[in-house]
């Protein structure tokens, strides 16, 4: 008899756990493209199969670039469809890519009745990934090495350059030369697709790249200068 009651109780608990299961229907963030100065709001849309689904408690922590979060809801006793949205407010973050991971649980009870029961098993999981941008960092883009060429190399002081049409039309306006220790030693305005630049520099190894109005191109080429 005792064994039978145990089995019946287990079946009841399992059916209750299955019946109370809710689901996360969507996760979204605002603003869509947050910066390091923005407060971020994560909106979590959920659906339950009961007449009420009040929020009991929610929390989140920040562990590196992972943001684990939890949300627990108290359900009513009547069968119905209950939709609700939880909102998480996250203070400004440093730049990087983050993963917000939400675990949803639910129980029965809550005000004005008895305390809400804990979730037996998690109802659902979901995650949303977003990137926080630092607008003070100059944007960089990579270009193919074929986008600009110069000659001769090694060079004796007069550098000829040739810029591809696509690159020239993208508002390239300056050629920049750096020393081997990364110091900018020469910059020259680019007005034509082809041209010649005098190099008033000492013999050594240099690096050349192109610069646009609001960004620098990260493709660099080595230049040997021999006097």
Foldseek 3Di string as FASTA:
>chain_A
DVVVVVVVVVVVVVVVLVQFFKEWPDWAKPPQAAAQQDWMKIKTKMKTQAPDWAWDDKDWDDDPQEIEIETETAGEDHTHMDMDIDMDIHGGDHWDKHKYKYWYFYAYDDPPGDHGDTGPDTRYMDIDMHTYHHVVDFDEDEDDPVQKDWDDAQDAWKIKMAGDPVVVVVAFFKKWKAAPVGHTDDMDTDDDRIDMDGHPDDFDKMKMFIAHPRHTYPDIDIGGYDD
